[in-house]
Structure formats: structure tokens, C-alpha cells
Amino acid sequence: MECRVLSIQSHVVRGYVGNKSASFPLQVLGFEVDSINSVQFSNHTGYSHWKGQVLTADELHVLYEGIKLNNVHHYDYVLTGYTRDTSFLEMVVDIVQELKRANPNLVYVCDPVLGDHGSMYVPENLYPVYKNKVVPVADIITPNQFEAELLTGKNISTEKDAVEVMDLLHAMGPDTVVITSSDLPSRLGDRFLVSLGSQRKVRPDGSRTTQRVRIEVPKVDAVFVGTGDLFAAMLLAWTHHNPNDLKMACEKTFSVMHHVIKRTISYAHELAGPGRRPSPPQLELRMVQSKADIEDPAVVIEATVIS
């Protein structure tokens, strides 16, 4: 059966960010993707220069109304990422709520992009919108440690803290939470970072069960743009294919990330030459070249069930 995704994310002409990081891999995996570009830039903002336009909340509403008028606003998933405008974010929430009324089984996957490493890189007035309006209607969220702490008001310094934070996020709405990166020490040494996931399910008898996993991910000495968008898209896909197995969904998702990043860094170093640090254009994700790994990823990152 056809599975349709509405992806409301940024767009760049050059490179892979936002909708380009999400749409191609989802299409490769058999999903039909309708894309609305929240911004349209020449390239991502890690370059020295960029030009482009930002979609307003009113313009988003006009596009959505056009889809509705043709009666083609029937979706199984909504996927959202980076935005800088509160009214735009509130319009997204209105659209998600309307689509959920039409299809109560719709799954909203949200990357709550707020900041990292202790500081916000979006306007602070987005924080209460995410906390009070977006997260409560989301089904799957993919915050990093800073975002998870910000949304719950609780710091993470141990794995137990992380589990408590994920439980707090469950209580706010989402049934699946993956903390994509953390500062927790890895059992495999300082060349690995720790990610954690939690999935809440209702058994046939009505009781609740929660599966929690820990993932140790090799660190890479480079800055990539678009990896968060790819991650959220792959988690959407692999939770769809493994709805009751967060461990497998995370293993597939993190393994795709590993393959794409490994191919990208290898290519970037080849272009940069010996002893030179790769530039932003050289570090654009090698997405098309990773098509086979996206379709059928060899599992090279394993998740450990922690409860």
C-alpha cells in the first residue's frame, strides 16, 4: 500500500539539507513524498555566502489550501525540521492537527531544532512553541541532549537521567524519543558518542510497555550539514518497517548514517588533499552515491536494550 509523507523543511539548490536530505532516501525506500520548502536558499549557511527566500506562515497556508482544494491532503506521515519563525511553526501545528483529524493514524515525526552544546541557534521565542504546541502533537521526536534537556528542564549527566528525560518527553506526547547525541561517556571509549532511544507501546490488553536502547556511534572529526534531516527521515522509514522494534529501527537508521558519513568524509579528504581540512562544498553528503546503503543498509551499528 502506498505510504505518503508531507515534508515541511528547508531547501537548498546546492547540496543536501532539509527536504533534499529527506526526500531522496524516503523515495528510494518506496515512500511518496510531497515537499514544502520552508526556506529556499542557494546553499546551506555553513558556506561563506548564501542567498534565498523564507516562506511565511501565510504562504505555507496558501500552499496547504491548494493541496486541500484538490482533495489530495491525505498523508500517513508529516516530517518537519529547522525553522526560525514562531508563526510558521504554529501554522505547522495547525496543519498537523487537521491532518490527524482526517487520519487518526497519521504519524508526525519532528526534529525539534533548537540548538546544541549549551546554546540556542534559533530565536528563543521558538522554545515555548516547541514545548507547549509542537511536542504534544508529535509522535516521534529526535532531539539532541541539549534540546531534550531544554524541553524537559532536566539535565542529563547519567544514563538514568537520560531515561528519566525520555520518560518526561513521553509524558508530553511522543511515543518514540531518540536522543541523537549526548555527552555521556561511551563504554567503547572516547572515540564514540552515546545515543539513546525509548519507545512506548500499548499492549493488546491495554497495559503499557517501554523499550529503551543505547547506541554507541563512532565520532567523526568533521562538521556535516543535513545529517539531522537524514536521520529523522531514516527513523521515519525504519520505524514504519519495524513498528514494534525500536532496536532494529535504530540499528538500521544509525547504520545508514554511518555509511553515508563514511563515504562523504572519504570523498572529502580525497578532494581536499593530504593535510588539508575539507571545505563545506567538499563535505556535502554523498547521498546519491549511497543509494544502495540507504535501500538495504548493512547493520554496522548495534543497539543495546537497556530496559
C-alpha atoms as a PDB file:
ATOM      1  CA  MET A   1       0.000   0.000   0.000  1.00  0.00           C
ATOM      2  CA  GLU A   2       1.269   3.470  -0.907  1.00  0.00           C
ATOM      3  CA  CYS A   3       2.669   5.470   2.016  1.00  0.00           C
ATOM      4  CA  ARG A   4       2.651   9.252   1.655  1.00  0.00           C
ATOM      5  CA  VAL A   5       4.782  11.786   3.549  1.00  0.00           C
ATOM      6  CA  LEU A   6       4.345  15.556   3.793  1.00  0.00           C
ATOM      7  CA  SER A   7       7.816  17.010   4.404  1.00  0.00           C
ATOM      8  CA  ILE A   8       7.952  20.662   5.507  1.00  0.00           C
ATOM      9  CA  GLN A   9      11.636  21.560   5.611  1.00  0.00           C
ATOM     10  CA  SER A  10      14.310  23.833   4.203  1.00  0.00           C
ATOM     11  CA  HIS A  11      15.554  23.508   0.621  1.00  0.00           C
ATOM     12  CA  VAL A  12      18.911  24.290  -0.954  1.00  0.00           C
ATOM     13  CA  VAL A  13      19.819  24.444  -4.638  1.00  0.00           C
ATOM     14  CA  ARG A  14      23.301  23.032  -3.997  1.00  0.00           C
ATOM     15  CA  GLY A  15      23.852  20.136  -1.620  1.00  0.00           C
ATOM     16  CA  TYR A  16      21.742  18.023   0.694  1.00  0.00           C
ATOM     17  CA  VAL A  17      19.875  19.765   3.510  1.00  0.00           C
ATOM     18  CA  GLY A  18      16.253  19.634   4.663  1.00  0.00           C
ATOM     19  CA  ASN A  19      13.904  18.299   2.005  1.00  0.00           C
ATOM     20  CA  LYS A  20      16.755  17.121  -0.233  1.00  0.00           C
ATOM     21  CA  SER A  21      18.259  15.147   2.670  1.00  0.00           C
ATOM     22  CA  ALA A  22      14.859  13.603   3.440  1.00  0.00           C
ATOM     23  CA  SER A  23      13.050  13.169   0.123  1.00  0.00           C
ATOM     24  CA  PHE A  24      15.578  11.163  -1.890  1.00  0.00           C
ATOM     25  CA  PRO A  25      16.203   8.475   0.755  1.00  0.00           C
ATOM     26  CA  LEU A  26      12.491   8.175   1.539  1.00  0.00           C
ATOM     27  CA  GLN A  27      11.658   7.830  -2.161  1.00  0.00           C
ATOM     28  CA  VAL A  28      14.381   5.199  -2.548  1.00  0.00           C
ATOM     29  CA  LEU A  29      12.633   3.266   0.239  1.00  0.00           C
ATOM     30  CA  GLY A  30       9.258   3.460  -1.535  1.00  0.00           C
ATOM     31  CA  PHE A  31       7.594   6.439   0.148  1.00  0.00           C
ATOM     32  CA  GLU A  32       5.713   9.070  -1.849  1.00  0.00           C
ATOM     33  CA  VAL A  33       6.982  12.466  -0.645  1.00  0.00           C
ATOM     34  CA  ASP A  34       5.269  15.839  -1.044  1.00  0.00           C
ATOM     35  CA  SER A  35       7.691  18.637  -0.140  1.00  0.00           C
ATOM     36  CA  ILE A  36       7.009  22.171   1.070  1.00  0.00           C
ATOM     37  CA  ASN A  37      10.158  24.290   1.284  1.00  0.00           C
ATOM     38  CA  SER A  38      10.218  26.358   4.484  1.00  0.00           C
ATOM     39  CA  VAL A  39      13.195  28.231   3.032  1.00  0.00           C
ATOM     40  CA  GLN A  40      14.749  28.194  -0.411  1.00  0.00           C
ATOM     41  CA  PHE A  41      18.451  29.026  -0.313  1.00  0.00           C
ATOM     42  CA  SER A  42      21.275  28.787  -2.836  1.00  0.00           C
ATOM     43  CA  ASN A  43      23.194  26.586  -0.353  1.00  0.00           C
ATOM     44  CA  HIS A  44      23.337  25.923   3.377  1.00  0.00           C
ATOM     45  CA  THR A  45      24.514  28.627   5.759  1.00  0.00           C
ATOM     46  CA  GLY A  46      27.835  26.906   6.503  1.00  0.00           C
ATOM     47  CA  TYR A  47      29.167  28.427   3.283  1.00  0.00           C
ATOM     48  CA  SER A  48      30.697  31.927   3.212  1.00  0.00           C
ATOM     49  CA  HIS A  49      27.703  33.273   1.248  1.00  0.00           C
ATOM     50  CA  TRP A  50      24.087  32.323   0.675  1.00  0.00           C
ATOM     51  CA  LYS A  51      21.022  33.874  -0.937  1.00  0.00           C
ATOM     52  CA  GLY A  52      17.371  32.965  -0.972  1.00  0.00           C
ATOM     53  CA  GLN A  53      13.864  33.315   0.351  1.00  0.00           C
ATOM     54  CA  VAL A  54      11.999  32.336   3.530  1.00  0.00           C
ATOM     55  CA  LEU A  55       8.425  31.015   3.320  1.00  0.00           C
ATOM     56  CA  THR A  56       5.992  32.861   5.609  1.00  0.00           C
ATOM     57  CA  ALA A  57       3.172  31.283   7.611  1.00  0.00           C
ATOM     58  CA  ASP A  58       0.641  32.841   5.210  1.00  0.00           C
ATOM     59  CA  GLU A  59       2.455  31.405   2.193  1.00  0.00           C
ATOM     60  CA  LEU A  60       2.537  27.961   3.868  1.00  0.00           C
ATOM     61  CA  HIS A  61      -1.216  28.251   4.453  1.00  0.00           C
ATOM     62  CA  VAL A  62      -1.811  29.121   0.766  1.00  0.00           C
ATOM     63  CA  LEU A  63       0.153  26.056  -0.395  1.00  0.00           C
ATOM     64  CA  TYR A  64      -1.700  23.785   2.015  1.00  0.00           C
ATOM     65  CA  GLU A  65      -5.064  25.227   0.917  1.00  0.00           C
ATOM     66  CA  GLY A  66      -4.158  24.394  -2.698  1.00  0.00           C
ATOM     67  CA  ILE A  67      -3.477  20.782  -1.713  1.00  0.00           C
ATOM     68  CA  LYS A  68      -6.806  20.663   0.171  1.00  0.00           C
ATOM     69  CA  LEU A  69      -8.830  22.153  -2.709  1.00  0.00           C
ATOM     70  CA  ASN A  70      -7.707  19.249  -4.895  1.00  0.00           C
ATOM     71  CA  ASN A  71      -8.553  16.767  -2.131  1.00  0.00           C
ATOM     72  CA  VAL A  72      -5.017  15.313  -2.120  1.00  0.00           C
ATOM     73  CA  HIS A  73      -4.218  16.150   1.508  1.00  0.00           C
ATOM     74  CA  HIS A  74      -4.213  12.537   2.673  1.00  0.00           C
ATOM     75  CA  TYR A  75      -0.969  11.657   4.456  1.00  0.00           C
ATOM     76  CA  ASP A  76       0.448   8.851   6.583  1.00  0.00           C
ATOM     77  CA  TYR A  77       3.372  10.911   7.899  1.00  0.00           C
ATOM     78  CA  VAL A  78       4.373  14.529   8.421  1.00  0.00           C
ATOM     79  CA  LEU A  79       8.083  15.317   8.747  1.00  0.00           C
ATOM     80  CA  THR A  80       9.458  18.675   9.937  1.00  0.00           C
ATOM     81  CA  GLY A  81      12.863  20.117  10.793  1.00  0.00           C
ATOM     82  CA  TYR A  82      14.538  23.511  11.074  1.00  0.00           C
ATOM     83  CA  THR A  83      12.512  26.713  11.200  1.00  0.00           C
ATOM     84  CA  ARG A  84      13.160  30.163  12.693  1.00  0.00           C
ATOM     85  CA  ASP A  85       9.669  31.656  12.806  1.00  0.00           C
ATOM     86  CA  THR A  86       7.034  31.151  15.521  1.00  0.00           C
ATOM     87  CA  SER A  87       4.010  31.868  13.319  1.00  0.00           C
ATOM     88  CA  PHE A  88       5.299  29.379  10.722  1.00  0.00           C
ATOM     89  CA  LEU A  89       5.755  26.737  13.435  1.00  0.00           C
ATOM     90  CA  GLU A  90       2.254  27.380  14.781  1.00  0.00           C
ATOM     91  CA  MET A  91       0.853  27.000  11.260  1.00  0.00           C
ATOM     92  CA  VAL A  92       2.645  23.636  11.007  1.00  0.00           C
ATOM     93  CA  VAL A  93       0.911  22.558  14.227  1.00  0.00           C
ATOM     94  CA  ASP A  94      -2.480  23.629  12.808  1.00  0.00           C
ATOM     95  CA  ILE A  95      -1.821  21.590   9.638  1.00  0.00           C
ATOM     96  CA  VAL A  96      -0.710  18.510  11.613  1.00  0.00           C
ATOM     97  CA  GLN A  97      -3.811  18.680  13.836  1.00  0.00           C
ATOM     98  CA  GLU A  98      -6.094  18.974  10.801  1.00  0.00           C
ATOM     99  CA  LEU A  99      -4.384  16.073   9.041  1.00  0.00           C
ATOM    100  CA  LYS A 100      -4.660  13.958  12.208  1.00  0.00           C
ATOM    101  CA  ARG A 101      -8.394  14.645  12.369  1.00  0.00           C
ATOM    102  CA  ALA A 102      -8.651  13.279   8.829  1.00  0.00           C
ATOM    103  CA  ASN A 103      -6.341  10.336   9.580  1.00  0.00           C
ATOM    104  CA  PRO A 104      -6.035   9.489  13.309  1.00  0.00           C
ATOM    105  CA  ASN A 105      -3.225   7.038  12.438  1.00  0.00           C
ATOM    106  CA  LEU A 106      -1.026   9.772  10.942  1.00  0.00           C
ATOM    107  CA  VAL A 107       2.457   9.859  12.483  1.00  0.00           C
ATOM    108  CA  TYR A 108       4.178  13.206  12.982  1.00  0.00           C
ATOM    109  CA  VAL A 109       7.987  12.993  13.030  1.00  0.00           C
ATOM    110  CA  CYS A 110       9.621  16.134  14.417  1.00  0.00           C
ATOM    111  CA  ASP A 111      13.250  17.128  14.745  1.00  0.00           C
ATOM    112  CA  PRO A 112      12.880  19.923  17.351  1.00  0.00           C
ATOM    113  CA  VAL A 113      15.799  22.045  16.136  1.00  0.00           C
ATOM    114  CA  LEU A 114      16.640  24.476  18.942  1.00  0.00           C
ATOM    115  CA  GLY A 115      20.403  24.349  19.462  1.00  0.00           C
ATOM    116  CA  ASP A 116      23.346  22.261  20.635  1.00  0.00           C
ATOM    117  CA  HIS A 117      26.300  22.286  23.042  1.00  0.00           C
ATOM    118  CA  GLY A 118      24.583  24.557  25.542  1.00  0.00           C
ATOM    119  CA  SER A 119      23.368  27.324  23.253  1.00  0.00           C
ATOM    120  CA  MET A 120      20.343  28.011  21.060  1.00  0.00           C
ATOM    121  CA  TYR A 121      20.737  28.740  17.360  1.00  0.00           C
ATOM    122  CA  VAL A 122      17.132  29.700  16.754  1.00  0.00           C
ATOM    123  CA  PRO A 123      15.244  32.646  18.320  1.00  0.00           C
ATOM    124  CA  GLU A 124      14.377  31.939  21.965  1.00  0.00           C
ATOM    125  CA  ASN A 125      10.658  32.557  21.346  1.00  0.00           C
ATOM    126  CA  LEU A 126      10.507  29.254  19.432  1.00  0.00           C
ATOM    127  CA  TYR A 127      11.198  27.307  22.632  1.00  0.00           C
ATOM    128  CA  PRO A 128       7.723  27.681  24.233  1.00  0.00           C
ATOM    129  CA  VAL A 129       6.056  26.885  20.880  1.00  0.00           C
ATOM    130  CA  TYR A 130       8.010  23.635  20.605  1.00  0.00           C
ATOM    131  CA  LYS A 131       7.409  22.734  24.250  1.00  0.00           C
ATOM    132  CA  ASN A 132       3.722  23.640  24.509  1.00  0.00           C
ATOM    133  CA  LYS A 133       2.396  23.087  20.977  1.00  0.00           C
ATOM    134  CA  VAL A 134       4.723  21.035  18.750  1.00  0.00           C
ATOM    135  CA  VAL A 135       5.958  18.243  21.029  1.00  0.00           C
ATOM    136  CA  PRO A 136       2.429  17.444  22.341  1.00  0.00           C
ATOM    137  CA  VAL A 137       1.206  16.645  18.795  1.00  0.00           C
ATOM    138  CA  ALA A 138       4.396  14.801  17.736  1.00  0.00           C
ATOM    139  CA  ASP A 139       4.620  11.009  17.686  1.00  0.00           C
ATOM    140  CA  ILE A 140       8.363  10.652  17.077  1.00  0.00           C
ATOM    141  CA  ILE A 141      10.955  13.258  18.124  1.00  0.00           C
ATOM    142  CA  THR A 142      14.717  13.351  17.581  1.00  0.00           C
ATOM    143  CA  PRO A 143      16.270  15.920  19.937  1.00  0.00           C
ATOM    144  CA  ASN A 144      19.945  16.080  20.810  1.00  0.00           C
ATOM    145  CA  GLN A 145      20.894  16.187  24.508  1.00  0.00           C
ATOM    146  CA  PHE A 146      20.692  19.991  24.739  1.00  0.00           C
ATOM    147  CA  GLU A 147      17.230  20.056  23.135  1.00  0.00           C
ATOM    148  CA  ALA A 148      15.951  17.199  25.327  1.00  0.00           C
ATOM    149  CA  GLU A 149      17.203  19.000  28.441  1.00  0.00           C
ATOM    150  CA  LEU A 150      15.696  22.295  27.315  1.00  0.00           C
ATOM    151  CA  LEU A 151      12.284  20.779  26.581  1.00  0.00           C
ATOM    152  CA  THR A 152      12.073  18.956  29.937  1.00  0.00           C
ATOM    153  CA  GLY A 153      14.021  21.313  32.215  1.00  0.00           C
ATOM    154  CA  LYS A 154      16.159  18.381  33.431  1.00  0.00           C
ATOM    155  CA  ASN A 155      19.906  17.942  32.963  1.00  0.00           C
ATOM    156  CA  ILE A 156      21.435  14.713  31.711  1.00  0.00           C
ATOM    157  CA  SER A 157      24.638  13.593  33.398  1.00  0.00           C
ATOM    158  CA  THR A 158      23.977   9.844  33.670  1.00  0.00           C
ATOM    159  CA  GLU A 159      22.136   7.201  31.658  1.00  0.00           C
ATOM    160  CA  LYS A 160      19.486   7.148  34.400  1.00  0.00           C
ATOM    161  CA  ASP A 161      18.961  10.902  33.847  1.00  0.00           C
ATOM    162  CA  ALA A 162      18.566  10.279  30.110  1.00  0.00           C
ATOM    163  CA  VAL A 163      15.916   7.612  30.726  1.00  0.00           C
ATOM    164  CA  GLU A 164      14.039   9.996  33.031  1.00  0.00           C
ATOM    165  CA  VAL A 165      14.227  12.765  30.412  1.00  0.00           C
ATOM    166  CA  MET A 166      12.873  10.418  27.734  1.00  0.00           C
ATOM    167  CA  ASP A 167      10.028   9.431  30.090  1.00  0.00           C
ATOM    168  CA  LEU A 168       9.248  13.121  30.627  1.00  0.00           C
ATOM    169  CA  LEU A 169       9.151  13.616  26.860  1.00  0.00           C
ATOM    170  CA  HIS A 170       6.811  10.608  26.529  1.00  0.00           C
ATOM    171  CA  ALA A 171       4.530  12.249  29.089  1.00  0.00           C
ATOM    172  CA  MET A 172       4.429  15.373  26.900  1.00  0.00           C
ATOM    173  CA  GLY A 173       3.097  13.358  23.920  1.00  0.00           C
ATOM    174  CA  PRO A 174       5.548  11.431  21.693  1.00  0.00           C
ATOM    175  CA  ASP A 175       5.603   7.625  21.907  1.00  0.00           C
ATOM    176  CA  THR A 176       9.073   7.409  20.354  1.00  0.00           C
ATOM    177  CA  VAL A 177      12.017   9.524  21.503  1.00  0.00           C
ATOM    178  CA  VAL A 178      15.578   9.239  20.224  1.00  0.00           C
ATOM    179  CA  ILE A 179      18.261  11.449  21.782  1.00  0.00           C
ATOM    180  CA  THR A 180      20.521  11.581  18.744  1.00  0.00           C
ATOM    181  CA  SER A 181      23.718  12.576  20.557  1.00  0.00           C
ATOM    182  CA  SER A 182      24.829  13.082  24.146  1.00  0.00           C
ATOM    183  CA  ASP A 183      27.869  13.898  26.275  1.00  0.00           C
ATOM    184  CA  LEU A 184      27.555  10.668  28.223  1.00  0.00           C
ATOM    185  CA  PRO A 185      30.734   8.548  28.334  1.00  0.00           C
ATOM    186  CA  SER A 186      30.768   5.581  25.974  1.00  0.00           C
ATOM    187  CA  ARG A 187      31.702   2.135  27.201  1.00  0.00           C
ATOM    188  CA  LEU A 188      33.717   1.768  23.996  1.00  0.00           C
ATOM    189  CA  GLY A 189      35.991   4.733  24.758  1.00  0.00           C
ATOM    190  CA  ASP A 190      36.243   8.417  23.905  1.00  0.00           C
ATOM    191  CA  ARG A 191      36.093   7.845  20.139  1.00  0.00           C
ATOM    192  CA  PHE A 192      32.380   7.026  20.453  1.00  0.00           C
ATOM    193  CA  LEU A 193      29.351   9.072  21.410  1.00  0.00           C
ATOM    194  CA  VAL A 194      26.217   7.732  23.076  1.00  0.00           C
ATOM    195  CA  SER A 195      22.688   7.989  21.685  1.00  0.00           C
ATOM    196  CA  LEU A 196      19.595   6.690  23.457  1.00  0.00           C
ATOM    197  CA  GLY A 197      16.103   5.766  22.353  1.00  0.00           C
ATOM    198  CA  SER A 198      12.805   4.959  24.020  1.00  0.00           C
ATOM    199  CA  GLN A 199       9.567   3.647  22.539  1.00  0.00           C
ATOM    200  CA  ARG A 200       6.289   3.422  24.431  1.00  0.00           C
ATOM    201  CA  LYS A 201       3.735   0.877  23.235  1.00  0.00           C
ATOM    202  CA  VAL A 202       0.267  -0.221  24.327  1.00  0.00           C
ATOM    203  CA  ARG A 203      -0.239  -3.990  24.614  1.00  0.00           C
ATOM    204  CA  PRO A 204      -3.476  -5.637  23.366  1.00  0.00           C
ATOM    205  CA  ASP A 205      -4.690  -5.830  26.986  1.00  0.00           C
ATOM    206  CA  GLY A 206      -4.284  -2.058  27.356  1.00  0.00           C
ATOM    207  CA  SER A 207      -1.162  -2.119  29.539  1.00  0.00           C
ATOM    208  CA  ARG A 208       1.893  -0.077  28.536  1.00  0.00           C
ATOM    209  CA  THR A 209       5.388  -1.300  27.785  1.00  0.00           C
ATOM    210  CA  THR A 210       8.534   0.696  27.029  1.00  0.00           C
ATOM    211  CA  GLN A 211      11.621  -0.454  25.117  1.00  0.00           C
ATOM    212  CA  ARG A 212      14.791   1.569  25.717  1.00  0.00           C
ATOM    213  CA  VAL A 213      18.045   1.239  23.797  1.00  0.00           C
ATOM    214  CA  ARG A 214      21.576   2.644  23.884  1.00  0.00           C
ATOM    215  CA  ILE A 215      23.610   3.136  20.714  1.00  0.00           C
ATOM    216  CA  GLU A 216      27.374   3.760  20.620  1.00  0.00           C
ATOM    217  CA  VAL A 217      28.281   5.725  17.499  1.00  0.00           C
ATOM    218  CA  PRO A 218      31.824   6.333  16.147  1.00  0.00           C
ATOM    219  CA  LYS A 219      32.787  10.025  16.244  1.00  0.00           C
ATOM    220  CA  VAL A 220      33.888  11.781  13.054  1.00  0.00           C
ATOM    221  CA  ASP A 221      36.178  14.818  13.072  1.00  0.00           C
ATOM    222  CA  ALA A 222      34.171  16.954  10.659  1.00  0.00           C
ATOM    223  CA  VAL A 223      31.083  19.157  10.592  1.00  0.00           C
ATOM    224  CA  PHE A 224      28.279  17.963   8.341  1.00  0.00           C
ATOM    225  CA  VAL A 225      25.072  19.795   7.460  1.00  0.00           C
ATOM    226  CA  GLY A 226      21.893  17.853   6.680  1.00  0.00           C
ATOM    227  CA  THR A 227      22.628  14.811   8.836  1.00  0.00           C
ATOM    228  CA  GLY A 228      19.801  15.615  11.267  1.00  0.00           C
ATOM    229  CA  ASP A 229      17.327  15.795   8.373  1.00  0.00           C
ATOM    230  CA  LEU A 230      18.566  12.476   7.001  1.00  0.00           C
ATOM    231  CA  PHE A 231      18.409  10.903  10.465  1.00  0.00           C
ATOM    232  CA  ALA A 232      14.777  11.913  11.072  1.00  0.00           C
ATOM    233  CA  ALA A 233      13.776  10.650   7.612  1.00  0.00           C
ATOM    234  CA  MET A 234      15.510   7.293   8.130  1.00  0.00           C
ATOM    235  CA  LEU A 235      13.975   6.874  11.589  1.00  0.00           C
ATOM    236  CA  LEU A 236      10.568   7.534   9.995  1.00  0.00           C
ATOM    237  CA  ALA A 237      11.257   4.836   7.389  1.00  0.00           C
ATOM    238  CA  TRP A 238      12.703   2.197   9.668  1.00  0.00           C
ATOM    239  CA  THR A 239      10.103   2.624  12.433  1.00  0.00           C
ATOM    240  CA  HIS A 240       7.498   2.230   9.674  1.00  0.00           C
ATOM    241  CA  HIS A 241       9.089  -1.081   8.650  1.00  0.00           C
ATOM    242  CA  ASN A 242       9.750  -2.136  12.288  1.00  0.00           C
ATOM    243  CA  PRO A 243       6.867  -0.547  14.233  1.00  0.00           C
ATOM    244  CA  ASN A 244       7.366  -2.664  17.361  1.00  0.00           C
ATOM    245  CA  ASP A 245      11.140  -2.982  17.327  1.00  0.00           C
ATOM    246  CA  LEU A 246      12.968   0.236  18.197  1.00  0.00           C
ATOM    247  CA  LYS A 247      16.251  -1.673  18.465  1.00  0.00           C
ATOM    248  CA  MET A 248      16.120  -2.767  14.816  1.00  0.00           C
ATOM    249  CA  ALA A 249      14.829   0.638  13.627  1.00  0.00           C
ATOM    250  CA  CYS A 250      17.732   2.382  15.378  1.00  0.00           C
ATOM    251  CA  GLU A 251      20.295  -0.098  14.086  1.00  0.00           C
ATOM    252  CA  LYS A 252      19.131   0.452  10.504  1.00  0.00           C
ATOM    253  CA  THR A 253      18.922   4.242  10.933  1.00  0.00           C
ATOM    254  CA  PHE A 254      22.326   4.681  12.577  1.00  0.00           C
ATOM    255  CA  SER A 255      23.922   2.255  10.099  1.00  0.00           C
ATOM    256  CA  VAL A 256      22.631   4.321   7.144  1.00  0.00           C
ATOM    257  CA  MET A 257      24.119   7.417   8.803  1.00  0.00           C
ATOM    258  CA  HIS A 258      27.443   5.635   9.284  1.00  0.00           C
ATOM    259  CA  HIS A 259      27.630   4.525   5.646  1.00  0.00           C
ATOM    260  CA  VAL A 260      26.712   7.957   4.250  1.00  0.00           C
ATOM    261  CA  ILE A 261      29.100   9.847   6.557  1.00  0.00           C
ATOM    262  CA  LYS A 262      31.963   7.405   5.969  1.00  0.00           C
ATOM    263  CA  ARG A 263      31.559   7.746   2.190  1.00  0.00           C
ATOM    264  CA  THR A 264      31.288  11.540   2.475  1.00  0.00           C
ATOM    265  CA  ILE A 265      34.395  12.006   4.653  1.00  0.00           C
ATOM    266  CA  SER A 266      36.449   9.681   2.465  1.00  0.00           C
ATOM    267  CA  TYR A 267      35.475  11.621  -0.664  1.00  0.00           C
ATOM    268  CA  ALA A 268      36.033  14.987   1.065  1.00  0.00           C
ATOM    269  CA  HIS A 269      39.575  14.074   2.154  1.00  0.00           C
ATOM    270  CA  GLU A 270      40.330  12.828  -1.342  1.00  0.00           C
ATOM    271  CA  LEU A 271      39.239  16.180  -2.805  1.00  0.00           C
ATOM    272  CA  ALA A 272      40.976  18.291  -0.145  1.00  0.00           C
ATOM    273  CA  GLY A 273      44.297  16.544  -0.461  1.00  0.00           C
ATOM    274  CA  PRO A 274      46.811  15.417   2.190  1.00  0.00           C
ATOM    275  CA  GLY A 275      46.919  17.540   5.337  1.00  0.00           C
ATOM    276  CA  ARG A 276      44.103  19.874   4.254  1.00  0.00           C
ATOM    277  CA  ARG A 277      40.797  20.259   6.071  1.00  0.00           C
ATOM    278  CA  PRO A 278      37.800  19.670   3.766  1.00  0.00           C
ATOM    279  CA  SER A 279      35.662  22.701   2.899  1.00  0.00           C
ATOM    280  CA  PRO A 280      31.837  22.906   3.203  1.00  0.00           C
ATOM    281  CA  PRO A 281      31.311  22.100  -0.519  1.00  0.00           C
ATOM    282  CA  GLN A 282      33.549  19.033  -0.196  1.00  0.00           C
ATOM    283  CA  LEU A 283      31.587  17.852   2.870  1.00  0.00           C
ATOM    284  CA  GLU A 284      28.178  17.838   1.139  1.00  0.00           C
ATOM    285  CA  LEU A 285      26.582  14.459   1.884  1.00  0.00           C
ATOM    286  CA  ARG A 286      27.222  11.783  -0.756  1.00  0.00           C
ATOM    287  CA  MET A 287      23.577  10.828  -0.922  1.00  0.00           C
ATOM    288  CA  VAL A 288      23.136   9.520  -4.465  1.00  0.00           C
ATOM    289  CA  GLN A 289      26.360   7.513  -4.168  1.00  0.00           C
ATOM    290  CA  SER A 290      24.908   5.896  -1.006  1.00  0.00           C
ATOM    291  CA  LYS A 291      21.680   4.716  -2.648  1.00  0.00           C
ATOM    292  CA  ALA A 292      22.411   1.008  -2.114  1.00  0.00           C
ATOM    293  CA  ASP A 293      23.234   1.559   1.574  1.00  0.00           C
ATOM    294  CA  ILE A 294      20.019   3.548   2.051  1.00  0.00           C
ATOM    295  CA  GLU A 295      17.928   0.813   0.416  1.00  0.00           C
ATOM    296  CA  ASP A 296      19.489  -2.104   2.291  1.00  0.00           C
ATOM    297  CA  PRO A 297      21.931  -0.966   4.978  1.00  0.00           C
ATOM    298  CA  ALA A 298      24.408  -3.480   6.333  1.00  0.00           C
ATOM    299  CA  VAL A 299      23.948  -3.214  10.109  1.00  0.00           C
ATOM    300  CA  VAL A 300      27.290  -1.964  11.424  1.00  0.00           C
ATOM    301  CA  ILE A 301      25.940  -0.062  14.449  1.00  0.00           C
ATOM    302  CA  GLU A 302      24.252  -2.244  17.048  1.00  0.00           C
ATOM    303  CA  ALA A 303      21.824  -1.081  19.729  1.00  0.00           C
ATOM    304  CA  THR A 304      21.758  -2.498  23.253  1.00  0.00           C
ATOM    305  CA  VAL A 305      18.436  -2.916  25.034  1.00  0.00           C
ATOM    306  CA  ILE A 306      18.757  -1.241  28.452  1.00  0.00           C
ATOM    307  CA  SER A 307      15.215  -1.913  29.706  1.00  0.00           C
END
